[in-house]
Amino acid sequence: MKQLLKLIIAATVVATGFFAGDVKAQTIPVNAFRFGLGAESGITTGAMNYASNVYVGGTARLQYGVSKNFSLTLTSGYYNFLGNTYHNSMGMIPVKLGFKFFVVPGFYFSGEAGAGFELQNFGVNPNLDNGIPKSTKLILSPGLGYATKSWDFGLRYENFSSSKTFAGENNSYGLIGLRVAYNFGL
């Protein structure tokens, strides 16, 4: 897990340096929309670790510039928590509202909240049981990132929580994810 986190951080640094050459100071166009398509990957935490250690996904994000340094976001897409020898893969559709606050040109803090809709039961063992019944999770996600006019690199922790338990077990979990996206002005 530590090695994958180091790899994610190194990839972020390298990608930021690679794309920084075509960059001017990032400011958000006020009263304007931007649309971004992103690829995601990362590691899982909590209860998900026994069923999957890695996730991959794709997301689309609509961003609206409220001021030069603050924007509102709407993000949705698909996460696939990859299975392992003992558990099937599990899909989720996240729908999140959030914000980005640029503290210096290019660098931002972000926060998102929303719902995650599990598409399969959690922790299904092939040919053995049906796992924990699928549910809708509350998503809370702090993050940080670097954005240019065209590119957005974000690193975040995302928590999926549910008040439901199954057989006395809590099925809340999380992820540490890296998102690399290309942005379009609208």
N, C-alpha and C. Protein backbone atom coordinates (compact mmCIF):
# COMPACT_ATOMS: atom_id res chain seq x y z
N MET A 1 0.82 -1.18 0.00
CA MET A 1 0.00 0.00 0.00
C MET A 1 0.87 1.25 0.00
N LYS A 2 1.94 1.27 0.79
CA LYS A 2 2.83 2.43 0.84
C LYS A 2 3.52 2.63 -0.50
N GLN A 3 3.89 1.51 -1.17
CA GLN A 3 4.55 1.63 -2.46
C GLN A 3 3.62 2.22 -3.51
N LEU A 4 2.36 1.83 -3.50
CA LEU A 4 1.41 2.37 -4.46
C LEU A 4 1.16 3.85 -4.20
N LEU A 5 1.08 4.26 -2.94
CA LEU A 5 0.90 5.67 -2.61
C LEU A 5 2.10 6.47 -3.09
N LYS A 6 3.33 5.95 -2.91
CA LYS A 6 4.52 6.64 -3.40
C LYS A 6 4.48 6.74 -4.93
N LEU A 7 4.01 5.69 -5.59
CA LEU A 7 3.90 5.69 -7.04
C LEU A 7 2.89 6.76 -7.50
N ILE A 8 1.76 6.86 -6.82
CA ILE A 8 0.75 7.87 -7.17
C ILE A 8 1.32 9.27 -7.01
N ILE A 9 2.03 9.53 -5.91
CA ILE A 9 2.61 10.85 -5.68
C ILE A 9 3.68 11.15 -6.73
N ALA A 10 4.53 10.18 -7.03
CA ALA A 10 5.57 10.38 -8.05
C ALA A 10 4.95 10.66 -9.41
N ALA A 11 3.90 9.92 -9.78
CA ALA A 11 3.24 10.14 -11.07
C ALA A 11 2.64 11.54 -11.13
N THR A 12 2.08 12.02 -10.02
CA THR A 12 1.52 13.36 -9.98
C THR A 12 2.60 14.42 -10.21
N VAL A 13 3.73 14.26 -9.54
CA VAL A 13 4.83 15.21 -9.68
C VAL A 13 5.36 15.22 -11.10
N VAL A 14 5.59 14.04 -11.67
CA VAL A 14 6.11 13.94 -13.03
C VAL A 14 5.11 14.54 -14.04
N ALA A 15 3.84 14.17 -13.92
CA ALA A 15 2.83 14.68 -14.85
C ALA A 15 2.69 16.18 -14.73
N THR A 16 2.74 16.71 -13.51
CA THR A 16 2.65 18.16 -13.32
C THR A 16 3.81 18.85 -14.00
N GLY A 17 5.00 18.32 -13.82
CA GLY A 17 6.18 18.91 -14.47
C GLY A 17 6.11 18.82 -15.97
N PHE A 18 5.60 17.71 -16.50
CA PHE A 18 5.50 17.52 -17.94
C PHE A 18 4.56 18.52 -18.59
N PHE A 19 3.41 18.75 -17.96
CA PHE A 19 2.41 19.62 -18.56
C PHE A 19 2.56 21.08 -18.14
N ALA A 20 3.42 21.37 -17.18
CA ALA A 20 3.57 22.74 -16.70
C ALA A 20 4.18 23.66 -17.76
N GLY A 21 4.86 23.11 -18.76
CA GLY A 21 5.48 23.93 -19.79
C GLY A 21 4.50 24.76 -20.59
N ASP A 22 3.27 24.31 -20.80
CA ASP A 22 2.31 25.06 -21.60
C ASP A 22 1.33 25.84 -20.73
N VAL A 23 1.74 26.15 -19.51
CA VAL A 23 0.82 26.68 -18.53
C VAL A 23 1.07 28.15 -18.26
N LYS A 24 -0.01 28.87 -18.12
CA LYS A 24 0.03 30.21 -17.56
C LYS A 24 -0.68 30.10 -16.22
N ALA A 25 -0.56 31.09 -15.39
CA ALA A 25 -1.18 31.03 -14.06
C ALA A 25 -2.66 30.70 -14.20
N GLN A 26 -3.11 29.70 -13.46
CA GLN A 26 -4.50 29.27 -13.53
C GLN A 26 -5.41 30.26 -12.82
N THR A 27 -6.33 30.77 -13.51
CA THR A 27 -7.44 31.50 -12.91
C THR A 27 -8.70 30.92 -13.51
N ILE A 28 -9.74 30.95 -12.75
CA ILE A 28 -11.00 30.39 -13.20
C ILE A 28 -11.79 31.48 -13.90
N PRO A 29 -12.27 31.23 -15.10
CA PRO A 29 -13.13 32.23 -15.74
C PRO A 29 -14.39 32.44 -14.90
N VAL A 30 -14.62 33.66 -14.46
CA VAL A 30 -15.79 33.97 -13.63
C VAL A 30 -17.05 33.86 -14.48
N ASN A 31 -18.09 33.28 -13.90
CA ASN A 31 -19.38 33.07 -14.57
C ASN A 31 -19.25 32.25 -15.85
N ALA A 32 -18.31 31.31 -15.87
CA ALA A 32 -18.11 30.46 -17.04
C ALA A 32 -18.04 29.00 -16.59
N PHE A 33 -18.42 28.12 -17.50
CA PHE A 33 -18.37 26.69 -17.24
C PHE A 33 -17.13 26.08 -17.89
N ARG A 34 -16.59 25.05 -17.26
CA ARG A 34 -15.54 24.21 -17.83
C ARG A 34 -16.01 22.77 -17.66
N PHE A 35 -15.65 21.92 -18.61
CA PHE A 35 -16.02 20.51 -18.57
C PHE A 35 -14.75 19.69 -18.67
N GLY A 36 -14.59 18.71 -17.78
CA GLY A 36 -13.40 17.88 -17.80
C GLY A 36 -13.72 16.40 -17.80
N LEU A 37 -12.91 15.65 -18.54
CA LEU A 37 -13.01 14.19 -18.56
C LEU A 37 -11.74 13.64 -17.94
N GLY A 38 -11.90 12.74 -16.95
CA GLY A 38 -10.75 12.26 -16.22
C GLY A 38 -10.67 10.75 -16.12
N ALA A 39 -9.43 10.28 -16.03
CA ALA A 39 -9.14 8.88 -15.73
C ALA A 39 -8.68 8.82 -14.28
N GLU A 40 -9.09 7.76 -13.57
CA GLU A 40 -8.78 7.66 -12.15
C GLU A 40 -8.22 6.29 -11.82
N SER A 41 -7.40 6.28 -10.77
CA SER A 41 -6.91 5.03 -10.22
C SER A 41 -6.43 5.29 -8.80
N GLY A 42 -6.37 4.23 -8.02
CA GLY A 42 -5.89 4.40 -6.65
C GLY A 42 -6.00 3.12 -5.85
N ILE A 43 -5.83 3.28 -4.55
CA ILE A 43 -5.86 2.15 -3.63
C ILE A 43 -7.06 2.29 -2.69
N THR A 44 -7.53 1.17 -2.21
CA THR A 44 -8.69 1.15 -1.32
C THR A 44 -8.25 1.10 0.13
N THR A 45 -9.16 1.51 1.02
CA THR A 45 -8.89 1.49 2.46
C THR A 45 -10.09 0.90 3.19
N GLY A 46 -9.90 0.59 4.44
CA GLY A 46 -11.00 0.12 5.27
C GLY A 46 -11.48 -1.27 4.88
N ALA A 47 -12.79 -1.48 5.01
CA ALA A 47 -13.39 -2.79 4.78
C ALA A 47 -13.19 -3.29 3.35
N MET A 48 -12.94 -2.38 2.40
CA MET A 48 -12.77 -2.79 1.01
C MET A 48 -11.48 -3.58 0.82
N ASN A 49 -10.49 -3.43 1.70
CA ASN A 49 -9.20 -4.08 1.50
C ASN A 49 -9.28 -5.59 1.36
N TYR A 50 -10.24 -6.25 2.02
CA TYR A 50 -10.30 -7.70 1.88
C TYR A 50 -10.93 -8.12 0.55
N ALA A 51 -11.67 -7.21 -0.09
CA ALA A 51 -12.33 -7.55 -1.35
C ALA A 51 -11.58 -7.01 -2.57
N SER A 52 -10.91 -5.88 -2.42
CA SER A 52 -10.22 -5.25 -3.54
C SER A 52 -9.16 -4.30 -2.99
N ASN A 53 -7.99 -4.27 -3.61
CA ASN A 53 -6.94 -3.35 -3.19
C ASN A 53 -6.80 -2.16 -4.12
N VAL A 54 -7.41 -2.24 -5.30
CA VAL A 54 -7.21 -1.23 -6.33
C VAL A 54 -8.54 -0.88 -6.98
N TYR A 55 -8.67 0.38 -7.38
CA TYR A 55 -9.83 0.77 -8.17
C TYR A 55 -9.35 1.53 -9.40
N VAL A 56 -10.14 1.50 -10.47
CA VAL A 56 -9.93 2.30 -11.67
C VAL A 56 -11.28 2.90 -12.03
N GLY A 57 -11.25 4.00 -12.74
CA GLY A 57 -12.52 4.61 -13.11
C GLY A 57 -12.35 5.75 -14.09
N GLY A 58 -13.48 6.31 -14.43
CA GLY A 58 -13.52 7.47 -15.29
C GLY A 58 -14.60 8.41 -14.78
N THR A 59 -14.34 9.71 -14.83
CA THR A 59 -15.31 10.68 -14.34
C THR A 59 -15.41 11.86 -15.29
N ALA A 60 -16.56 12.50 -15.25
CA ALA A 60 -16.81 13.74 -15.95
C ALA A 60 -17.12 14.79 -14.88
N ARG A 61 -16.56 16.00 -15.05
CA ARG A 61 -16.77 17.05 -14.07
C ARG A 61 -17.16 18.35 -14.76
N LEU A 62 -18.23 18.95 -14.28
CA LEU A 62 -18.66 20.27 -14.72
C LEU A 62 -18.25 21.25 -13.63
N GLN A 63 -17.57 22.31 -14.02
CA GLN A 63 -17.05 23.28 -13.07
C GLN A 63 -17.55 24.68 -13.45
N TYR A 64 -18.02 25.42 -12.44
CA TYR A 64 -18.52 26.77 -12.67
C TYR A 64 -17.71 27.75 -11.84
N GLY A 65 -17.12 28.75 -12.48
CA GLY A 65 -16.30 29.74 -11.78
C GLY A 65 -17.16 30.79 -11.09
N VAL A 66 -17.16 30.76 -9.76
CA VAL A 66 -17.90 31.74 -8.97
C VAL A 66 -17.07 33.02 -8.84
N SER A 67 -15.76 32.86 -8.61
CA SER A 67 -14.83 33.98 -8.55
C SER A 67 -13.52 33.52 -9.19
N LYS A 68 -12.54 34.39 -9.19
CA LYS A 68 -11.25 34.07 -9.80
C LYS A 68 -10.58 32.86 -9.14
N ASN A 69 -10.83 32.66 -7.84
CA ASN A 69 -10.16 31.60 -7.10
C ASN A 69 -11.10 30.52 -6.55
N PHE A 70 -12.38 30.58 -6.87
CA PHE A 70 -13.34 29.64 -6.28
C PHE A 70 -14.31 29.15 -7.34
N SER A 71 -14.53 27.84 -7.37
CA SER A 71 -15.50 27.28 -8.32
C SER A 71 -16.31 26.19 -7.65
N LEU A 72 -17.48 25.96 -8.21
CA LEU A 72 -18.35 24.86 -7.78
C LEU A 72 -18.23 23.73 -8.80
N THR A 73 -18.36 22.49 -8.33
CA THR A 73 -18.20 21.34 -9.21
C THR A 73 -19.35 20.35 -9.07
N LEU A 74 -19.61 19.64 -10.15
CA LEU A 74 -20.53 18.51 -10.19
C LEU A 74 -19.78 17.39 -10.89
N THR A 75 -19.60 16.25 -10.19
CA THR A 75 -18.80 15.15 -10.71
C THR A 75 -19.60 13.86 -10.68
N SER A 76 -19.49 13.08 -11.77
CA SER A 76 -20.09 11.75 -11.80
C SER A 76 -19.27 10.88 -12.74
N GLY A 77 -19.49 9.58 -12.67
CA GLY A 77 -18.75 8.67 -13.53
C GLY A 77 -18.95 7.24 -13.12
N TYR A 78 -17.86 6.47 -13.14
CA TYR A 78 -17.92 5.05 -12.79
C TYR A 78 -16.61 4.65 -12.13
N TYR A 79 -16.72 3.94 -10.99
CA TYR A 79 -15.56 3.34 -10.31
C TYR A 79 -15.71 1.83 -10.41
N ASN A 80 -14.61 1.15 -10.69
CA ASN A 80 -14.59 -0.31 -10.67
C ASN A 80 -13.56 -0.75 -9.63
N PHE A 81 -14.04 -1.32 -8.53
CA PHE A 81 -13.16 -1.88 -7.51
C PHE A 81 -12.79 -3.27 -7.99
N LEU A 82 -11.55 -3.43 -8.43
CA LEU A 82 -11.11 -4.67 -9.06
C LEU A 82 -11.15 -5.82 -8.06
N GLY A 83 -11.62 -6.94 -8.52
CA GLY A 83 -11.70 -8.12 -7.67
C GLY A 83 -10.33 -8.75 -7.46
N ASN A 84 -10.30 -9.78 -6.65
CA ASN A 84 -9.08 -10.54 -6.43
C ASN A 84 -9.42 -12.02 -6.57
N THR A 85 -8.55 -12.88 -6.14
CA THR A 85 -8.76 -14.33 -6.27
C THR A 85 -10.04 -14.79 -5.59
N TYR A 86 -10.42 -14.11 -4.50
CA TYR A 86 -11.54 -14.57 -3.68
C TYR A 86 -12.82 -13.75 -3.81
N HIS A 87 -12.74 -12.58 -4.46
CA HIS A 87 -13.92 -11.70 -4.53
C HIS A 87 -14.10 -11.14 -5.93
N ASN A 88 -15.36 -10.98 -6.32
CA ASN A 88 -15.68 -10.38 -7.62
C ASN A 88 -15.44 -8.87 -7.59
N SER A 89 -15.27 -8.28 -8.78
CA SER A 89 -15.20 -6.83 -8.90
C SER A 89 -16.53 -6.22 -8.50
N MET A 90 -16.49 -4.95 -8.11
CA MET A 90 -17.72 -4.25 -7.74
C MET A 90 -17.71 -2.88 -8.39
N GLY A 91 -18.82 -2.48 -8.99
CA GLY A 91 -18.93 -1.18 -9.62
C GLY A 91 -19.71 -0.20 -8.77
N MET A 92 -19.43 1.09 -8.98
CA MET A 92 -20.15 2.15 -8.27
C MET A 92 -20.27 3.36 -9.18
N ILE A 93 -21.41 4.04 -9.08
CA ILE A 93 -21.61 5.31 -9.76
C ILE A 93 -21.64 6.40 -8.70
N PRO A 94 -20.61 7.28 -8.68
CA PRO A 94 -20.61 8.39 -7.73
C PRO A 94 -21.29 9.62 -8.35
N VAL A 95 -22.00 10.38 -7.52
CA VAL A 95 -22.58 11.67 -7.93
C VAL A 95 -22.26 12.64 -6.80
N LYS A 96 -21.41 13.65 -7.10
CA LYS A 96 -20.89 14.51 -6.05
C LYS A 96 -20.97 16.00 -6.43
N LEU A 97 -21.34 16.81 -5.45
CA LEU A 97 -21.24 18.26 -5.55
C LEU A 97 -20.03 18.70 -4.75
N GLY A 98 -19.35 19.74 -5.20
CA GLY A 98 -18.16 20.16 -4.47
C GLY A 98 -17.69 21.54 -4.83
N PHE A 99 -16.45 21.80 -4.43
CA PHE A 99 -15.83 23.10 -4.69
C PHE A 99 -14.34 22.91 -4.91
N LYS A 100 -13.73 23.91 -5.55
CA LYS A 100 -12.28 24.04 -5.65
C LYS A 100 -11.93 25.45 -5.20
N PHE A 101 -10.92 25.55 -4.34
CA PHE A 101 -10.44 26.85 -3.89
C PHE A 101 -8.96 26.94 -4.22
N PHE A 102 -8.61 27.86 -5.12
CA PHE A 102 -7.22 28.03 -5.55
C PHE A 102 -6.51 28.94 -4.55
N VAL A 103 -5.49 28.38 -3.88
CA VAL A 103 -4.76 29.13 -2.85
C VAL A 103 -3.63 29.94 -3.47
N VAL A 104 -3.00 29.43 -4.50
CA VAL A 104 -2.02 30.15 -5.32
C VAL A 104 -2.28 29.71 -6.74
N PRO A 105 -1.81 30.45 -7.73
CA PRO A 105 -2.08 30.05 -9.12
C PRO A 105 -1.72 28.59 -9.39
N GLY A 106 -2.70 27.85 -9.85
CA GLY A 106 -2.51 26.45 -10.21
C GLY A 106 -2.87 25.46 -9.11
N PHE A 107 -2.57 25.76 -7.86
CA PHE A 107 -2.78 24.81 -6.76
C PHE A 107 -4.09 25.07 -6.04
N TYR A 108 -4.83 23.98 -5.78
CA TYR A 108 -6.14 24.14 -5.15
C TYR A 108 -6.39 23.08 -4.08
N PHE A 109 -7.31 23.42 -3.19
CA PHE A 109 -7.91 22.48 -2.25
C PHE A 109 -9.32 22.23 -2.74
N SER A 110 -9.81 21.01 -2.53
CA SER A 110 -11.16 20.70 -2.98
C SER A 110 -11.91 19.93 -1.90
N GLY A 111 -13.21 19.93 -2.03
CA GLY A 111 -14.06 19.14 -1.17
C GLY A 111 -15.30 18.73 -1.94
N GLU A 112 -15.74 17.51 -1.73
CA GLU A 112 -16.93 17.01 -2.41
C GLU A 112 -17.77 16.21 -1.43
N ALA A 113 -19.07 16.21 -1.67
CA ALA A 113 -20.01 15.39 -0.91
C ALA A 113 -21.08 14.90 -1.88
N GLY A 114 -21.56 13.69 -1.65
CA GLY A 114 -22.59 13.17 -2.53
C GLY A 114 -22.97 11.75 -2.17
N ALA A 115 -23.39 11.01 -3.20
CA ALA A 115 -23.85 9.64 -3.01
C ALA A 115 -23.12 8.71 -3.97
N GLY A 116 -22.86 7.49 -3.50
CA GLY A 116 -22.27 6.46 -4.33
C GLY A 116 -23.24 5.30 -4.42
N PHE A 117 -23.60 4.93 -5.63
CA PHE A 117 -24.59 3.87 -5.85
C PHE A 117 -23.87 2.58 -6.24
N GLU A 118 -23.79 1.63 -5.29
CA GLU A 118 -23.15 0.35 -5.57
C GLU A 118 -23.99 -0.42 -6.59
N LEU A 119 -23.32 -1.04 -7.56
CA LEU A 119 -24.02 -1.76 -8.61
C LEU A 119 -24.06 -3.27 -8.37
N GLN A 120 -23.22 -3.77 -7.46
CA GLN A 120 -23.23 -5.18 -7.10
C GLN A 120 -23.15 -5.27 -5.58
N ASN A 121 -23.43 -6.45 -5.07
CA ASN A 121 -23.24 -6.68 -3.64
C ASN A 121 -21.76 -6.57 -3.30
N PHE A 122 -21.47 -6.16 -2.07
CA PHE A 122 -20.11 -5.95 -1.61
C PHE A 122 -19.47 -7.27 -1.18
N GLY A 123 -18.25 -7.54 -1.65
CA GLY A 123 -17.49 -8.69 -1.17
C GLY A 123 -18.01 -10.04 -1.60
N VAL A 124 -18.58 -10.14 -2.78
CA VAL A 124 -19.13 -11.42 -3.25
C VAL A 124 -17.99 -12.41 -3.51
N ASN A 125 -18.12 -13.61 -2.95
CA ASN A 125 -17.18 -14.70 -3.22
C ASN A 125 -17.77 -15.52 -4.36
N PRO A 126 -17.03 -15.71 -5.45
CA PRO A 126 -17.57 -16.48 -6.57
C PRO A 126 -18.05 -17.85 -6.13
N ASN A 127 -19.27 -18.19 -6.51
CA ASN A 127 -19.89 -19.50 -6.26
C ASN A 127 -20.07 -19.86 -4.79
N LEU A 128 -19.93 -18.86 -3.86
CA LEU A 128 -20.07 -19.20 -2.44
C LEU A 128 -21.22 -18.46 -1.78
N ASP A 129 -21.28 -17.15 -1.90
CA ASP A 129 -22.34 -16.39 -1.24
C ASP A 129 -22.66 -15.13 -2.05
N ASN A 130 -23.63 -14.40 -1.56
CA ASN A 130 -24.02 -13.18 -2.25
C ASN A 130 -23.41 -11.92 -1.66
N GLY A 131 -22.53 -12.05 -0.65
CA GLY A 131 -21.88 -10.90 -0.06
C GLY A 131 -22.83 -10.03 0.73
N ILE A 132 -22.40 -8.81 0.98
CA ILE A 132 -23.21 -7.83 1.71
C ILE A 132 -24.09 -7.11 0.69
N PRO A 133 -25.40 -7.01 0.91
CA PRO A 133 -26.28 -6.39 -0.08
C PRO A 133 -25.82 -4.98 -0.47
N LYS A 134 -25.93 -4.68 -1.76
CA LYS A 134 -25.53 -3.37 -2.25
C LYS A 134 -26.35 -2.29 -1.57
N SER A 135 -25.77 -1.09 -1.48
CA SER A 135 -26.45 0.03 -0.84
C SER A 135 -25.96 1.34 -1.45
N THR A 136 -26.57 2.40 -1.02
CA THR A 136 -26.14 3.74 -1.41
C THR A 136 -25.28 4.29 -0.28
N LYS A 137 -24.11 4.81 -0.62
CA LYS A 137 -23.16 5.31 0.37
C LYS A 137 -23.12 6.84 0.36
N LEU A 138 -22.88 7.41 1.52
CA LEU A 138 -22.58 8.82 1.63
C LEU A 138 -21.11 8.99 1.28
N ILE A 139 -20.80 9.91 0.37
CA ILE A 139 -19.42 10.16 -0.03
C ILE A 139 -18.99 11.51 0.53
N LEU A 140 -17.85 11.52 1.21
CA LEU A 140 -17.18 12.75 1.65
C LEU A 140 -15.74 12.66 1.18
N SER A 141 -15.25 13.77 0.55
CA SER A 141 -13.97 13.66 -0.13
C SER A 141 -13.18 14.97 -0.10
N PRO A 142 -12.16 15.07 0.78
CA PRO A 142 -11.24 16.20 0.71
C PRO A 142 -10.11 15.89 -0.27
N GLY A 143 -9.55 16.92 -0.90
CA GLY A 143 -8.46 16.68 -1.83
C GLY A 143 -7.63 17.91 -2.08
N LEU A 144 -6.61 17.74 -2.90
CA LEU A 144 -5.77 18.83 -3.35
C LEU A 144 -5.35 18.54 -4.77
N GLY A 145 -4.92 19.58 -5.47
CA GLY A 145 -4.56 19.34 -6.86
C GLY A 145 -3.86 20.51 -7.50
N TYR A 146 -3.56 20.31 -8.77
CA TYR A 146 -2.90 21.31 -9.59
C TYR A 146 -3.63 21.35 -10.93
N ALA A 147 -4.00 22.54 -11.37
CA ALA A 147 -4.74 22.67 -12.63
C ALA A 147 -4.11 23.73 -13.52
N THR A 148 -4.15 23.46 -14.81
CA THR A 148 -3.77 24.43 -15.83
C THR A 148 -5.03 24.73 -16.63
N LYS A 149 -4.87 25.47 -17.69
CA LYS A 149 -6.03 25.76 -18.53
C LYS A 149 -6.64 24.48 -19.10
N SER A 150 -5.79 23.50 -19.43
CA SER A 150 -6.27 22.28 -20.07
C SER A 150 -6.23 21.04 -19.19
N TRP A 151 -5.33 20.98 -18.23
CA TRP A 151 -5.12 19.76 -17.45
C TRP A 151 -5.44 19.98 -15.99
N ASP A 152 -5.88 18.88 -15.33
CA ASP A 152 -6.19 18.91 -13.90
C ASP A 152 -5.69 17.61 -13.27
N PHE A 153 -4.83 17.74 -12.26
CA PHE A 153 -4.27 16.60 -11.53
C PHE A 153 -4.75 16.70 -10.09
N GLY A 154 -5.53 15.74 -9.63
CA GLY A 154 -6.07 15.79 -8.28
C GLY A 154 -5.75 14.53 -7.49
N LEU A 155 -5.43 14.73 -6.22
CA LEU A 155 -5.20 13.63 -5.29
C LEU A 155 -6.19 13.82 -4.14
N ARG A 156 -6.90 12.74 -3.77
CA ARG A 156 -7.92 12.90 -2.74
C ARG A 156 -8.09 11.62 -1.93
N TYR A 157 -8.70 11.80 -0.77
CA TYR A 157 -9.20 10.68 0.02
C TYR A 157 -10.71 10.71 -0.12
N GLU A 158 -11.30 9.57 -0.38
CA GLU A 158 -12.75 9.51 -0.53
C GLU A 158 -13.30 8.46 0.43
N ASN A 159 -14.26 8.86 1.26
CA ASN A 159 -14.86 7.96 2.24
C ASN A 159 -16.28 7.61 1.80
N PHE A 160 -16.60 6.31 1.83
CA PHE A 160 -17.94 5.81 1.50
C PHE A 160 -18.52 5.24 2.79
N SER A 161 -19.52 5.89 3.35
CA SER A 161 -20.06 5.40 4.62
C SER A 161 -21.54 5.08 4.50
N SER A 162 -21.94 4.14 5.34
CA SER A 162 -23.32 3.71 5.37
C SER A 162 -23.67 3.38 6.81
N SER A 163 -24.88 3.71 7.19
CA SER A 163 -25.33 3.36 8.54
C SER A 163 -25.79 1.91 8.61
N LYS A 164 -25.93 1.28 7.45
CA LYS A 164 -26.38 -0.11 7.41
C LYS A 164 -25.23 -1.06 7.75
N THR A 165 -25.54 -2.08 8.48
CA THR A 165 -24.59 -3.15 8.73
C THR A 165 -25.21 -4.45 8.24
N PHE A 166 -24.38 -5.44 8.02
CA PHE A 166 -24.86 -6.74 7.59
C PHE A 166 -24.16 -7.79 8.44
N ALA A 167 -24.92 -8.61 9.12
CA ALA A 167 -24.38 -9.64 10.02
C ALA A 167 -23.43 -9.01 11.04
N GLY A 168 -23.79 -7.81 11.50
CA GLY A 168 -22.99 -7.13 12.51
C GLY A 168 -21.75 -6.45 11.99
N GLU A 169 -21.52 -6.47 10.67
CA GLU A 169 -20.32 -5.87 10.11
C GLU A 169 -20.67 -4.56 9.41
N ASN A 170 -19.83 -3.55 9.64
CA ASN A 170 -19.97 -2.27 8.96
C ASN A 170 -19.38 -2.42 7.56
N ASN A 171 -20.06 -1.93 6.55
CA ASN A 171 -19.54 -2.04 5.20
C ASN A 171 -19.12 -0.67 4.64
N SER A 172 -18.56 0.18 5.51
CA SER A 172 -17.99 1.46 5.07
C SER A 172 -16.55 1.22 4.63
N TYR A 173 -16.08 2.03 3.68
CA TYR A 173 -14.72 1.89 3.17
C TYR A 173 -14.29 3.20 2.53
N GLY A 174 -13.10 3.22 1.96
CA GLY A 174 -12.60 4.43 1.34
C GLY A 174 -11.59 4.14 0.25
N LEU A 175 -11.02 5.22 -0.30
CA LEU A 175 -9.99 5.10 -1.31
C LEU A 175 -9.09 6.33 -1.28
N ILE A 176 -7.87 6.13 -1.74
CA ILE A 176 -6.96 7.23 -2.01
C ILE A 176 -6.79 7.22 -3.52
N GLY A 177 -7.22 8.30 -4.17
CA GLY A 177 -7.28 8.28 -5.63
C GLY A 177 -6.55 9.42 -6.30
N LEU A 178 -6.08 9.15 -7.49
CA LEU A 178 -5.45 10.14 -8.37
C LEU A 178 -6.34 10.29 -9.59
N ARG A 179 -6.67 11.54 -9.92
CA ARG A 179 -7.47 11.84 -11.10
C ARG A 179 -6.65 12.72 -12.04
N VAL A 180 -6.52 12.31 -13.29
CA VAL A 180 -5.88 13.11 -14.32
C VAL A 180 -6.94 13.40 -15.36
N ALA A 181 -7.19 14.70 -15.58
CA ALA A 181 -8.32 15.08 -16.46
C ALA A 181 -7.88 16.13 -17.48
N TYR A 182 -8.58 16.12 -18.60
CA TYR A 182 -8.42 17.15 -19.62
C TYR A 182 -9.67 18.01 -19.59
N ASN A 183 -9.48 19.33 -19.55
CA ASN A 183 -10.60 20.27 -19.43
C ASN A 183 -10.90 20.99 -20.74
N PHE A 184 -12.16 21.24 -20.95
CA PHE A 184 -12.64 21.97 -22.12
C PHE A 184 -13.41 23.20 -21.64
N GLY A 185 -13.23 24.34 -22.27
CA GLY A 185 -14.06 25.50 -21.97
C GLY A 185 -15.39 25.36 -22.68
N LEU A 186 -16.45 25.83 -22.05
CA LEU A 186 -17.77 25.75 -22.69
C LEU A 186 -18.24 27.14 -23.07
